[in-house]
Amino acid sequence: MRRLPSIAVLLVALAVPLAGGLGARHASASVAYASPYTFEQTFGTALRLVRVDLDFKIVEKDVASGYLLFEYRSPESGGRATQGAIEVVNGRAGVHVAVQLPAMPQYHEQVLLDALVKKLAAEHGEPPKKAPPPPADSGAPPPDAGAAP
């Protein structure tokens, strides 16, 4: 008889986090892009896209850290502002861009990123071609390495 209340308490304790997880969800995914343009070109174009083309309010920006925080407005949300972010990171493999609109469906992030890609091409033309990687060293000596001068 005493077991029933302890099992009920256990079931309630397990069900509460599950029910909380099924409630209102926010999209936390972001979309990313490997930009073939320089950091300066990519960041500057993202800033112009957000502020000039889309007329969103810039909340905070830091060029050295490569991020823009802005108020995103969509006709779907009735003009209500939600927080958005664009991060531009200069790494070994190139320039990485991430767009985040946590309160919106992911396709909003993709539309914003697609607009950035289109604007980069319109403003800067074809991306610069990257040099091909050097051939892998096979460990064999060059053909003339053992020849006498």
N, C-alpha and C. Protein backbone atom coordinates (compact mmCIF):
# COMPACT_ATOMS: atom_id res chain seq x y z
N MET A 1 0.82 -1.18 0.00
CA MET A 1 0.00 0.00 0.00
C MET A 1 0.87 1.25 0.00
N ARG A 2 2.02 1.24 0.69
CA ARG A 2 2.90 2.41 0.73
C ARG A 2 3.64 2.58 -0.59
N ARG A 3 3.75 1.50 -1.36
CA ARG A 3 4.47 1.58 -2.63
C ARG A 3 3.75 2.43 -3.65
N LEU A 4 2.46 2.42 -3.66
CA LEU A 4 1.68 3.15 -4.65
C LEU A 4 1.97 4.66 -4.60
N PRO A 5 1.96 5.32 -3.44
CA PRO A 5 2.27 6.75 -3.44
C PRO A 5 3.70 7.03 -3.92
N SER A 6 4.67 6.21 -3.58
CA SER A 6 6.05 6.48 -4.01
C SER A 6 6.19 6.31 -5.52
N ILE A 7 5.46 5.35 -6.11
CA ILE A 7 5.49 5.18 -7.56
C ILE A 7 4.79 6.36 -8.23
N ALA A 8 3.70 6.82 -7.66
CA ALA A 8 2.97 7.96 -8.22
C ALA A 8 3.85 9.21 -8.19
N VAL A 9 4.56 9.40 -7.10
CA VAL A 9 5.46 10.56 -7.00
C VAL A 9 6.56 10.47 -8.04
N LEU A 10 7.09 9.28 -8.23
CA LEU A 10 8.13 9.07 -9.22
C LEU A 10 7.61 9.37 -10.63
N LEU A 11 6.41 8.88 -10.95
CA LEU A 11 5.82 9.14 -12.26
C LEU A 11 5.57 10.62 -12.48
N VAL A 12 5.08 11.32 -11.49
CA VAL A 12 4.86 12.76 -11.61
C VAL A 12 6.19 13.48 -11.78
N ALA A 13 7.20 13.08 -11.04
CA ALA A 13 8.52 13.72 -11.14
C ALA A 13 9.11 13.52 -12.54
N LEU A 14 8.85 12.40 -13.18
CA LEU A 14 9.35 12.16 -14.53
C LEU A 14 8.49 12.84 -15.58
N ALA A 15 7.20 12.98 -15.33
CA ALA A 15 6.29 13.56 -16.31
C ALA A 15 6.39 15.07 -16.41
N VAL A 16 6.71 15.76 -15.32
CA VAL A 16 6.76 17.22 -15.33
C VAL A 16 7.82 17.74 -16.30
N PRO A 17 9.08 17.27 -16.28
CA PRO A 17 10.03 17.77 -17.27
C PRO A 17 9.64 17.42 -18.70
N LEU A 18 9.04 16.26 -18.88
CA LEU A 18 8.60 15.87 -20.22
C LEU A 18 7.52 16.81 -20.72
N ALA A 19 6.54 17.12 -19.89
CA ALA A 19 5.47 18.03 -20.28
C ALA A 19 6.01 19.43 -20.54
N GLY A 20 6.96 19.85 -19.75
CA GLY A 20 7.59 21.17 -19.96
C GLY A 20 8.32 21.23 -21.28
N GLY A 21 8.92 20.11 -21.66
CA GLY A 21 9.64 20.07 -22.93
C GLY A 21 8.72 20.06 -24.13
N LEU A 22 7.48 19.66 -23.94
CA LEU A 22 6.53 19.62 -25.04
C LEU A 22 5.78 20.94 -25.21
N GLY A 23 5.97 21.85 -24.30
CA GLY A 23 5.27 23.14 -24.35
C GLY A 23 5.82 24.03 -25.45
N ALA A 24 5.75 25.32 -25.23
CA ALA A 24 6.21 26.29 -26.24
C ALA A 24 7.69 26.09 -26.49
N ARG A 25 8.02 25.92 -27.77
CA ARG A 25 9.41 25.73 -28.15
C ARG A 25 9.88 26.92 -28.94
N HIS A 26 11.13 27.20 -28.80
CA HIS A 26 11.77 28.23 -29.61
C HIS A 26 12.77 27.56 -30.52
N ALA A 27 12.79 28.02 -31.74
CA ALA A 27 13.78 27.48 -32.67
C ALA A 27 15.15 28.00 -32.26
N SER A 28 16.08 27.11 -32.04
CA SER A 28 17.40 27.55 -31.62
C SER A 28 18.46 27.20 -32.66
N ALA A 29 18.03 26.66 -33.76
CA ALA A 29 18.99 26.31 -34.80
C ALA A 29 19.41 27.57 -35.55
N SER A 30 20.50 27.49 -36.22
CA SER A 30 20.93 28.60 -37.05
C SER A 30 21.38 28.03 -38.39
N VAL A 31 21.42 28.91 -39.38
CA VAL A 31 21.91 28.48 -40.68
C VAL A 31 23.30 29.05 -40.86
N ALA A 32 24.12 28.37 -41.62
CA ALA A 32 25.52 28.78 -41.78
C ALA A 32 25.90 28.80 -43.25
N TYR A 33 26.99 29.53 -43.52
CA TYR A 33 27.48 29.71 -44.88
C TYR A 33 28.98 29.90 -44.82
N ALA A 34 29.70 29.24 -45.70
CA ALA A 34 31.14 29.44 -45.82
C ALA A 34 31.35 30.47 -46.93
N SER A 35 31.68 31.69 -46.55
CA SER A 35 31.81 32.78 -47.52
C SER A 35 33.16 32.73 -48.21
N PRO A 36 33.17 32.81 -49.54
CA PRO A 36 34.43 32.84 -50.27
C PRO A 36 35.04 34.24 -50.30
N TYR A 37 34.35 35.23 -49.76
CA TYR A 37 34.83 36.60 -49.74
C TYR A 37 35.61 36.85 -48.46
N THR A 38 36.29 37.99 -48.38
CA THR A 38 37.08 38.30 -47.20
C THR A 38 36.17 38.62 -46.02
N PHE A 39 36.73 38.61 -44.84
CA PHE A 39 35.99 38.96 -43.63
C PHE A 39 35.41 40.36 -43.76
N GLU A 40 36.22 41.31 -44.21
CA GLU A 40 35.78 42.70 -44.31
C GLU A 40 34.63 42.84 -45.30
N GLN A 41 34.73 42.17 -46.45
CA GLN A 41 33.65 42.23 -47.43
C GLN A 41 32.37 41.61 -46.87
N THR A 42 32.50 40.48 -46.24
CA THR A 42 31.34 39.75 -45.73
C THR A 42 30.67 40.51 -44.59
N PHE A 43 31.46 40.99 -43.63
CA PHE A 43 30.88 41.71 -42.49
C PHE A 43 30.23 43.01 -42.94
N GLY A 44 30.92 43.77 -43.78
CA GLY A 44 30.38 45.04 -44.26
C GLY A 44 29.08 44.85 -45.04
N THR A 45 29.03 43.83 -45.87
CA THR A 45 27.83 43.54 -46.64
C THR A 45 26.69 43.10 -45.73
N ALA A 46 26.97 42.31 -44.71
CA ALA A 46 25.94 41.90 -43.75
C ALA A 46 25.39 43.11 -43.02
N LEU A 47 26.26 44.03 -42.62
CA LEU A 47 25.82 45.24 -41.92
C LEU A 47 24.91 46.08 -42.83
N ARG A 48 25.31 46.27 -44.09
CA ARG A 48 24.49 47.06 -45.02
C ARG A 48 23.15 46.38 -45.30
N LEU A 49 23.17 45.05 -45.41
CA LEU A 49 21.94 44.32 -45.65
C LEU A 49 20.94 44.56 -44.51
N VAL A 50 21.41 44.39 -43.28
CA VAL A 50 20.54 44.51 -42.12
C VAL A 50 20.07 45.95 -41.91
N ARG A 51 20.99 46.90 -41.98
CA ARG A 51 20.64 48.28 -41.64
C ARG A 51 20.02 49.04 -42.81
N VAL A 52 20.61 48.97 -43.99
CA VAL A 52 20.16 49.78 -45.11
C VAL A 52 19.05 49.09 -45.91
N ASP A 53 19.32 47.88 -46.37
CA ASP A 53 18.35 47.20 -47.23
C ASP A 53 17.08 46.79 -46.49
N LEU A 54 17.23 46.22 -45.31
CA LEU A 54 16.09 45.70 -44.57
C LEU A 54 15.55 46.67 -43.52
N ASP A 55 16.31 47.73 -43.23
CA ASP A 55 15.92 48.77 -42.27
C ASP A 55 15.62 48.22 -40.87
N PHE A 56 16.44 47.25 -40.44
CA PHE A 56 16.32 46.73 -39.09
C PHE A 56 17.19 47.58 -38.17
N LYS A 57 16.77 47.70 -36.93
CA LYS A 57 17.53 48.47 -35.95
C LYS A 57 18.71 47.62 -35.45
N ILE A 58 19.91 48.20 -35.53
CA ILE A 58 21.10 47.52 -34.99
C ILE A 58 21.12 47.75 -33.48
N VAL A 59 21.12 46.70 -32.71
CA VAL A 59 21.15 46.79 -31.25
C VAL A 59 22.59 46.89 -30.77
N GLU A 60 23.45 46.09 -31.38
CA GLU A 60 24.87 46.08 -30.98
C GLU A 60 25.67 45.50 -32.14
N LYS A 61 26.89 46.01 -32.30
CA LYS A 61 27.79 45.44 -33.31
C LYS A 61 29.21 45.53 -32.78
N ASP A 62 29.99 44.55 -33.17
CA ASP A 62 31.39 44.52 -32.80
C ASP A 62 32.16 43.93 -33.98
N VAL A 63 32.84 44.81 -34.71
CA VAL A 63 33.56 44.37 -35.90
C VAL A 63 34.69 43.43 -35.51
N ALA A 64 35.41 43.75 -34.44
CA ALA A 64 36.56 42.92 -34.03
C ALA A 64 36.12 41.49 -33.69
N SER A 65 34.96 41.36 -33.06
CA SER A 65 34.45 40.02 -32.71
C SER A 65 33.60 39.44 -33.82
N GLY A 66 33.17 40.27 -34.76
CA GLY A 66 32.44 39.80 -35.93
C GLY A 66 30.98 39.48 -35.70
N TYR A 67 30.28 40.30 -34.90
CA TYR A 67 28.86 40.01 -34.74
C TYR A 67 28.00 41.26 -34.84
N LEU A 68 26.76 41.04 -35.26
CA LEU A 68 25.72 42.06 -35.33
C LEU A 68 24.51 41.54 -34.56
N LEU A 69 23.98 42.35 -33.67
CA LEU A 69 22.71 42.02 -33.02
C LEU A 69 21.70 43.04 -33.53
N PHE A 70 20.53 42.58 -33.91
CA PHE A 70 19.55 43.48 -34.50
C PHE A 70 18.13 43.05 -34.13
N GLU A 71 17.18 43.97 -34.38
CA GLU A 71 15.77 43.67 -34.16
C GLU A 71 15.17 43.24 -35.49
N TYR A 72 14.76 41.99 -35.55
CA TYR A 72 14.20 41.41 -36.77
C TYR A 72 12.69 41.61 -36.76
N ARG A 73 12.16 42.07 -37.86
CA ARG A 73 10.72 42.25 -38.00
C ARG A 73 10.25 41.49 -39.24
N SER A 74 9.18 40.75 -39.05
CA SER A 74 8.62 39.97 -40.14
C SER A 74 7.13 40.29 -40.27
N PRO A 75 6.62 40.36 -41.48
CA PRO A 75 5.18 40.55 -41.63
C PRO A 75 4.37 39.43 -40.97
N GLU A 76 4.95 38.25 -40.89
CA GLU A 76 4.26 37.12 -40.26
C GLU A 76 4.06 37.31 -38.76
N SER A 77 4.95 38.09 -38.13
CA SER A 77 4.84 38.29 -36.69
C SER A 77 4.07 39.56 -36.35
N GLY A 78 3.40 40.14 -37.34
CA GLY A 78 2.62 41.34 -37.09
C GLY A 78 3.47 42.56 -36.82
N GLY A 79 4.69 42.57 -37.32
CA GLY A 79 5.57 43.71 -37.10
C GLY A 79 6.27 43.70 -35.74
N ARG A 80 6.02 42.66 -34.95
CA ARG A 80 6.66 42.55 -33.63
C ARG A 80 8.15 42.27 -33.82
N ALA A 81 8.98 42.97 -33.06
CA ALA A 81 10.44 42.80 -33.17
C ALA A 81 10.90 41.61 -32.35
N THR A 82 11.77 40.81 -32.95
CA THR A 82 12.44 39.72 -32.23
C THR A 82 13.95 39.91 -32.42
N GLN A 83 14.71 39.31 -31.55
CA GLN A 83 16.16 39.46 -31.61
C GLN A 83 16.76 38.58 -32.70
N GLY A 84 17.73 39.15 -33.42
CA GLY A 84 18.45 38.41 -34.43
C GLY A 84 19.94 38.65 -34.31
N ALA A 85 20.72 37.76 -34.87
CA ALA A 85 22.17 37.90 -34.80
C ALA A 85 22.80 37.34 -36.08
N ILE A 86 23.85 38.01 -36.51
CA ILE A 86 24.69 37.50 -37.58
C ILE A 86 26.11 37.48 -37.04
N GLU A 87 26.76 36.34 -37.17
CA GLU A 87 28.13 36.18 -36.70
C GLU A 87 29.02 35.87 -37.90
N VAL A 88 30.11 36.60 -38.03
CA VAL A 88 31.08 36.40 -39.11
C VAL A 88 32.41 36.07 -38.45
N VAL A 89 32.95 34.89 -38.74
CA VAL A 89 34.18 34.44 -38.10
C VAL A 89 35.22 34.16 -39.17
N ASN A 90 36.40 34.70 -39.00
CA ASN A 90 37.51 34.48 -39.92
C ASN A 90 38.33 33.31 -39.38
N GLY A 91 38.28 32.19 -40.06
CA GLY A 91 39.00 31.00 -39.59
C GLY A 91 40.01 30.51 -40.59
N ARG A 92 40.67 29.40 -40.27
CA ARG A 92 41.68 28.82 -41.17
C ARG A 92 41.07 28.39 -42.50
N ALA A 93 39.87 27.88 -42.44
CA ALA A 93 39.23 27.37 -43.65
C ALA A 93 38.50 28.46 -44.43
N GLY A 94 38.49 29.67 -43.93
CA GLY A 94 37.80 30.77 -44.61
C GLY A 94 36.88 31.52 -43.67
N VAL A 95 35.96 32.25 -44.26
CA VAL A 95 35.04 33.07 -43.48
C VAL A 95 33.74 32.29 -43.29
N HIS A 96 33.33 32.14 -42.04
CA HIS A 96 32.12 31.41 -41.68
C HIS A 96 31.06 32.41 -41.22
N VAL A 97 29.84 32.29 -41.76
CA VAL A 97 28.74 33.18 -41.40
C VAL A 97 27.63 32.34 -40.80
N ALA A 98 27.08 32.80 -39.66
CA ALA A 98 25.94 32.14 -39.04
C ALA A 98 24.85 33.18 -38.78
N VAL A 99 23.61 32.82 -39.10
CA VAL A 99 22.46 33.69 -38.87
C VAL A 99 21.57 33.01 -37.85
N GLN A 100 21.16 33.75 -36.83
CA GLN A 100 20.30 33.20 -35.79
C GLN A 100 19.11 34.12 -35.55
N LEU A 101 17.93 33.53 -35.61
CA LEU A 101 16.68 34.19 -35.25
C LEU A 101 15.93 33.22 -34.34
N PRO A 102 16.29 33.18 -33.07
CA PRO A 102 15.80 32.13 -32.18
C PRO A 102 14.28 32.03 -32.05
N ALA A 103 13.56 33.13 -32.18
CA ALA A 103 12.11 33.10 -31.99
C ALA A 103 11.34 32.83 -33.28
N MET A 104 12.05 32.64 -34.38
CA MET A 104 11.40 32.46 -35.68
C MET A 104 11.70 31.08 -36.24
N PRO A 105 10.86 30.60 -37.16
CA PRO A 105 11.16 29.34 -37.84
C PRO A 105 12.47 29.46 -38.64
N GLN A 106 13.12 28.34 -38.86
CA GLN A 106 14.45 28.35 -39.47
C GLN A 106 14.45 28.93 -40.88
N TYR A 107 13.35 28.85 -41.60
CA TYR A 107 13.37 29.37 -42.97
C TYR A 107 13.58 30.88 -43.00
N HIS A 108 13.24 31.60 -41.91
CA HIS A 108 13.54 33.03 -41.85
C HIS A 108 15.05 33.26 -41.87
N GLU A 109 15.78 32.42 -41.14
CA GLU A 109 17.24 32.51 -41.13
C GLU A 109 17.79 32.23 -42.53
N GLN A 110 17.23 31.23 -43.19
CA GLN A 110 17.70 30.87 -44.52
C GLN A 110 17.42 31.98 -45.53
N VAL A 111 16.26 32.63 -45.45
CA VAL A 111 15.94 33.74 -46.35
C VAL A 111 16.92 34.89 -46.15
N LEU A 112 17.23 35.19 -44.90
CA LEU A 112 18.18 36.27 -44.60
C LEU A 112 19.57 35.91 -45.12
N LEU A 113 19.99 34.68 -44.94
CA LEU A 113 21.30 34.24 -45.42
C LEU A 113 21.35 34.25 -46.95
N ASP A 114 20.28 33.82 -47.59
CA ASP A 114 20.23 33.84 -49.06
C ASP A 114 20.34 35.27 -49.58
N ALA A 115 19.71 36.22 -48.89
CA ALA A 115 19.81 37.63 -49.29
C ALA A 115 21.24 38.12 -49.15
N LEU A 116 21.95 37.68 -48.11
CA LEU A 116 23.35 38.07 -47.91
C LEU A 116 24.22 37.50 -49.04
N VAL A 117 24.03 36.25 -49.39
CA VAL A 117 24.81 35.62 -50.46
C VAL A 117 24.59 36.37 -51.78
N LYS A 118 23.35 36.70 -52.07
CA LYS A 118 23.02 37.42 -53.30
C LYS A 118 23.64 38.82 -53.29
N LYS A 119 23.60 39.50 -52.16
CA LYS A 119 24.18 40.85 -52.04
C LYS A 119 25.69 40.80 -52.17
N LEU A 120 26.33 39.80 -51.60
CA LEU A 120 27.78 39.66 -51.73
C LEU A 120 28.18 39.54 -53.20
N ALA A 121 27.47 38.72 -53.94
CA ALA A 121 27.78 38.54 -55.36
C ALA A 121 27.50 39.81 -56.15
N ALA A 122 26.41 40.51 -55.82
CA ALA A 122 26.06 41.75 -56.54
C ALA A 122 27.07 42.86 -56.27
N GLU A 123 27.54 42.97 -55.04
CA GLU A 123 28.46 44.05 -54.67
C GLU A 123 29.91 43.76 -55.02
N HIS A 124 30.32 42.50 -54.92
CA HIS A 124 31.74 42.16 -55.05
C HIS A 124 32.06 41.28 -56.25
N GLY A 125 31.05 40.93 -57.03
CA GLY A 125 31.30 40.09 -58.21
C GLY A 125 31.59 38.66 -57.82
N GLU A 126 32.17 37.95 -58.76
CA GLU A 126 32.53 36.56 -58.53
C GLU A 126 33.54 36.48 -57.39
N PRO A 127 33.40 35.50 -56.52
CA PRO A 127 34.38 35.37 -55.43
C PRO A 127 35.76 35.05 -55.99
N PRO A 128 36.79 35.46 -55.27
CA PRO A 128 38.15 35.15 -55.73
C PRO A 128 38.38 33.65 -55.73
N LYS A 129 39.12 33.19 -56.70
CA LYS A 129 39.45 31.77 -56.79
C LYS A 129 40.52 31.44 -55.76
N LYS A 130 40.35 30.31 -55.12
CA LYS A 130 41.35 29.87 -54.15
C LYS A 130 42.43 29.07 -54.86
N ALA A 131 43.65 29.21 -54.38
CA ALA A 131 44.76 28.45 -54.95
C ALA A 131 44.57 26.97 -54.63
N PRO A 132 44.89 26.09 -55.57
CA PRO A 132 44.74 24.66 -55.27
C PRO A 132 45.73 24.25 -54.18
N PRO A 133 45.35 23.28 -53.37
CA PRO A 133 46.27 22.85 -52.31
C PRO A 133 47.51 22.21 -52.92
N PRO A 134 48.64 22.34 -52.23
CA PRO A 134 49.87 21.72 -52.75
C PRO A 134 49.71 20.20 -52.76
N PRO A 135 50.39 19.53 -53.68
CA PRO A 135 50.26 18.07 -53.75
C PRO A 135 50.81 17.43 -52.48
N ALA A 136 50.21 16.33 -52.12
CA ALA A 136 50.64 15.62 -50.92
C ALA A 136 52.01 15.00 -51.16
N ASP A 137 52.87 15.07 -50.15
CA ASP A 137 54.21 14.49 -50.25
C ASP A 137 54.09 12.98 -50.13
N SER A 138 54.55 12.28 -51.15
CA SER A 138 54.43 10.81 -51.15
C SER A 138 55.56 10.15 -50.38
N GLY A 139 56.56 10.92 -49.97
CA GLY A 139 57.69 10.35 -49.24
C GLY A 139 58.81 9.92 -50.15
N ALA A 140 58.58 9.87 -51.43
CA ALA A 140 59.63 9.49 -52.40
C ALA A 140 60.50 10.70 -52.69
N PRO A 141 61.80 10.47 -52.92
CA PRO A 141 62.68 11.61 -53.22
C PRO A 141 62.36 12.18 -54.61
N PRO A 142 62.61 13.46 -54.82
CA PRO A 142 62.36 14.04 -56.16
C PRO A 142 63.20 13.31 -57.19
N PRO A 143 62.80 13.32 -58.45
CA PRO A 143 63.51 12.54 -59.48
C PRO A 143 64.99 12.89 -59.62
N ASP A 144 65.39 14.13 -59.41
CA ASP A 144 66.80 14.52 -59.58
C ASP A 144 67.55 14.57 -58.25
N ALA A 145 67.00 14.03 -57.19
CA ALA A 145 67.64 14.16 -55.88
C ALA A 145 68.93 13.39 -55.77
N GLY A 146 69.04 12.25 -56.43
CA GLY A 146 70.23 11.44 -56.30
C GLY A 146 71.25 11.65 -57.41
N ALA A 147 70.93 12.48 -58.37
CA ALA A 147 71.83 12.69 -59.51
C ALA A 147 73.01 13.57 -59.11
N ALA A 148 74.19 13.29 -59.66
CA ALA A 148 75.38 14.09 -59.37
C ALA A 148 75.36 15.35 -60.25
N PRO A 149 75.87 16.45 -59.73
CA PRO A 149 75.90 17.68 -60.53
C PRO A 149 76.89 17.67 -61.63
